[in-house]
Amino acid sequence: MTEDSNRRCSRGERTMVLADRFAQVFRDEHRKIRDTLLDLLHAFNARNRTQIQTLLNGAAAYTGPHFRYEEESLYPALVEIFGQEYIDELYRAHDRAIGAAKRLIVLAGKDELGDGDVTEAKKLILGILPHVSDCEGLSIMVEKLPNEKVQWLLETRDRSLQENLDLIRWAEEIRGRATIPAA
């Protein structure tokens, strides 16, 4: 091997190390979101308003930074791979998820949850779940990005976590994009 190919190999290895680190963090976050959504289904079925509120508060706390770094760095970085049309659909999926989260908060605030409320909540939650699993697959595409972009993704994530804005506050104060109200 030439010295030049050794440098390329080690650069490629560095990129994979960063991409693997990103993939692990990304997967862990999606698992947490998945599990919370599934727990919310059970809590709404049981009409356990205390558990619903706890789960919604937790979800808002960790999806705010997660959605933020996806939109501020991951999605823009993936335009060159997927094209703008697909990336726009990812943004719209967030629009719908934020709208659903706002509606779930309204439902959770009711004095009593009727059958219609529970049915609506389940529909909203089940509407978010496919995005969680679809989004998880984006991490393998990160492997194709240059090292500098992967580092930028991780730095943006760190900054989002440090600023620690919950989903609703970030969506309303920082995001600058309208959400899609839940039907």
Protein backbone atom coordinates (compact mmCIF):
# COMPACT_ATOMS: atom_id res chain seq x y z
CA MET A 1 0.00 0.00 0.00
CA THR A 2 1.14 3.48 -0.72
CA GLU A 3 1.29 6.21 1.85
CA ASP A 4 -1.61 7.94 0.10
CA SER A 5 -3.84 4.84 0.32
CA ASN A 6 -2.91 4.45 4.00
CA ARG A 7 -4.08 8.01 4.62
CA ARG A 8 -7.34 7.35 2.78
CA CYS A 9 -7.88 4.17 4.75
CA SER A 10 -7.26 5.82 8.09
CA ARG A 11 -9.53 8.73 7.09
CA GLY A 12 -12.19 6.20 6.11
CA GLU A 13 -11.71 4.40 9.41
CA ARG A 14 -12.06 7.70 11.29
CA THR A 15 -15.25 8.44 9.38
CA MET A 16 -16.63 4.99 10.25
CA VAL A 17 -15.76 5.47 13.93
CA LEU A 18 -17.66 8.77 13.98
CA ALA A 19 -20.50 7.32 11.89
CA ASP A 20 -20.72 4.32 14.21
CA ARG A 21 -20.80 6.63 17.22
CA PHE A 22 -23.56 8.64 15.58
CA ALA A 23 -25.50 5.48 14.66
CA GLN A 24 -25.37 4.18 18.23
CA VAL A 25 -26.57 7.46 19.73
CA PHE A 26 -29.24 7.81 17.06
CA ARG A 27 -30.50 4.25 17.60
CA ASP A 28 -30.61 4.71 21.38
CA GLU A 29 -32.64 7.89 20.99
CA HIS A 30 -35.09 6.22 18.61
CA ARG A 31 -35.49 3.28 20.96
CA LYS A 32 -36.31 5.66 23.78
CA ILE A 33 -38.87 7.48 21.62
CA ARG A 34 -40.36 4.17 20.41
CA ASP A 35 -40.67 2.84 23.93
CA THR A 36 -42.25 6.05 25.18
CA LEU A 37 -44.81 6.00 22.39
CA LEU A 38 -45.68 2.38 23.12
CA ASP A 39 -45.94 3.18 26.84
CA LEU A 40 -48.23 6.10 25.96
CA LEU A 41 -50.52 3.71 24.09
CA HIS A 42 -50.84 1.60 27.22
CA ALA A 43 -51.28 4.62 29.48
CA PHE A 44 -54.08 6.03 27.31
CA ASN A 45 -55.75 2.60 27.16
CA ALA A 46 -55.60 2.47 30.97
CA ARG A 47 -56.69 6.13 31.17
CA ASN A 48 -53.82 6.68 33.57
CA ARG A 49 -53.58 10.45 33.36
CA THR A 50 -50.62 10.68 35.76
CA GLN A 51 -48.57 8.26 33.66
CA ILE A 52 -49.70 9.96 30.44
CA GLN A 53 -48.52 13.34 31.73
CA THR A 54 -45.19 11.93 32.93
CA LEU A 55 -44.59 10.23 29.57
CA LEU A 56 -45.55 13.30 27.55
CA ASN A 57 -43.28 15.54 29.64
CA GLY A 58 -40.39 13.11 29.22
CA ALA A 59 -40.99 12.74 25.51
CA ALA A 60 -41.08 16.52 25.02
CA ALA A 61 -37.82 16.88 26.95
CA TYR A 62 -35.81 14.48 24.81
CA THR A 63 -37.52 14.88 21.44
CA GLY A 64 -36.90 18.64 21.44
CA PRO A 65 -33.11 18.32 21.15
CA HIS A 66 -33.45 15.24 18.93
CA PHE A 67 -35.77 16.86 16.39
CA ARG A 68 -33.67 20.01 16.49
CA TYR A 69 -30.38 18.42 15.51
CA GLU A 70 -32.11 16.27 12.90
CA GLU A 71 -33.53 19.38 11.26
CA GLU A 72 -30.53 21.65 11.73
CA SER A 73 -27.82 19.24 10.61
CA LEU A 74 -28.86 15.69 9.69
CA TYR A 75 -31.55 16.50 7.15
CA PRO A 76 -29.50 19.20 5.38
CA ALA A 77 -26.50 16.85 5.27
CA LEU A 78 -28.57 14.12 3.63
CA VAL A 79 -29.95 16.28 0.81
CA GLU A 80 -26.97 15.33 -1.37
CA ILE A 81 -27.84 11.64 -0.94
CA PHE A 82 -31.66 11.64 -0.98
CA GLY A 83 -32.53 14.86 -2.78
CA GLN A 84 -34.63 17.70 -1.45
CA GLU A 85 -38.02 16.07 -2.07
CA TYR A 86 -37.47 13.23 0.40
CA ILE A 87 -35.89 15.57 2.96
CA ASP A 88 -38.96 17.81 2.70
CA GLU A 89 -41.08 14.78 3.57
CA LEU A 90 -38.96 14.23 6.69
CA TYR A 91 -39.65 17.83 7.73
CA ARG A 92 -43.37 17.28 7.11
CA ALA A 93 -43.24 14.14 9.27
CA HIS A 94 -41.90 16.35 12.07
CA ASP A 95 -44.65 18.89 11.36
CA ARG A 96 -47.22 16.12 11.85
CA ALA A 97 -45.48 14.69 14.93
CA ILE A 98 -45.35 18.10 16.63
CA GLY A 99 -49.01 18.68 15.79
CA ALA A 100 -49.84 15.26 17.24
CA ALA A 101 -47.81 16.01 20.39
CA LYS A 102 -49.71 19.25 20.91
CA ARG A 103 -53.02 17.44 20.54
CA LEU A 104 -51.91 14.67 22.93
CA ILE A 105 -51.13 17.36 25.51
CA VAL A 106 -54.66 18.74 25.13
CA LEU A 107 -56.15 15.26 25.52
CA ALA A 108 -53.98 14.56 28.57
CA GLY A 109 -55.23 17.76 30.19
CA LYS A 110 -58.86 16.67 30.14
CA ASP A 111 -60.54 15.92 33.45
CA GLU A 112 -61.69 12.58 32.09
CA LEU A 113 -60.69 10.61 29.03
CA GLY A 114 -63.64 9.24 27.11
CA ASP A 115 -63.55 6.41 24.60
CA GLY A 116 -63.27 8.90 21.74
CA ASP A 117 -60.29 10.59 23.42
CA VAL A 118 -58.49 7.29 23.85
CA THR A 119 -59.20 6.31 20.24
CA GLU A 120 -57.90 9.68 19.03
CA ALA A 121 -54.76 9.42 21.17
CA LYS A 122 -54.02 5.93 19.86
CA LYS A 123 -54.44 7.13 16.27
CA LEU A 124 -52.06 10.04 16.90
CA ILE A 125 -49.43 7.83 18.53
CA LEU A 126 -49.66 5.16 15.85
CA GLY A 127 -49.28 7.91 13.27
CA ILE A 128 -45.91 8.90 14.73
CA LEU A 129 -44.42 5.41 15.11
CA PRO A 130 -43.61 4.80 11.41
CA HIS A 131 -41.48 7.94 11.32
CA VAL A 132 -39.47 6.64 14.27
CA SER A 133 -38.63 3.39 12.51
CA ASP A 134 -38.15 5.01 9.09
CA CYS A 135 -35.86 7.68 10.54
CA GLU A 136 -33.73 5.06 12.26
CA GLY A 137 -32.54 3.88 8.84
CA LEU A 138 -30.99 7.27 8.09
CA SER A 139 -28.00 6.39 10.24
CA ILE A 140 -26.60 3.99 7.63
CA MET A 141 -26.57 6.83 5.13
CA VAL A 142 -24.49 8.91 7.53
CA GLU A 143 -21.69 6.40 6.85
CA LYS A 144 -21.47 7.88 3.34
CA LEU A 145 -20.94 11.43 4.56
CA PRO A 146 -17.52 13.05 4.87
CA ASN A 147 -15.93 12.97 8.30
CA GLU A 148 -16.42 16.72 8.72
CA LYS A 149 -20.18 16.43 8.24
CA VAL A 150 -20.47 13.56 10.70
CA GLN A 151 -18.53 15.62 13.23
CA TRP A 152 -20.89 18.55 12.54
CA LEU A 153 -23.89 16.28 13.22
CA LEU A 154 -22.46 15.25 16.57
CA GLU A 155 -21.57 18.84 17.49
CA THR A 156 -25.06 20.04 16.57
CA ARG A 157 -26.52 17.25 18.70
CA ASP A 158 -24.32 18.27 21.65
CA ARG A 159 -25.38 21.91 21.29
CA SER A 160 -29.06 20.93 21.10
CA LEU A 161 -28.70 18.84 24.25
CA GLN A 162 -26.95 21.68 26.06
CA GLU A 163 -29.66 24.18 25.13
CA ASN A 164 -32.21 21.56 26.21
CA LEU A 165 -35.38 23.05 24.74
CA ASP A 166 -38.36 20.74 24.93
CA LEU A 167 -40.19 19.87 21.72
CA ILE A 168 -43.01 22.39 22.03
CA ARG A 169 -40.84 25.29 23.11
CA TRP A 170 -38.31 24.61 20.33
CA ALA A 171 -41.10 24.24 17.76
CA GLU A 172 -42.80 27.47 18.79
CA GLU A 173 -39.80 29.68 19.57
CA ILE A 174 -36.87 28.53 17.44
CA ARG A 175 -37.94 26.27 14.60
CA GLY A 176 -39.58 28.88 12.39
CA ARG A 177 -41.80 26.38 10.61
CA ALA A 178 -45.52 25.76 10.94
CA THR A 179 -46.69 22.42 12.26
CA ILE A 180 -49.59 20.41 10.95
CA PRO A 181 -52.43 20.40 13.47
CA ALA A 182 -53.72 16.97 14.34
CA ALA A 183 -57.09 16.25 12.79
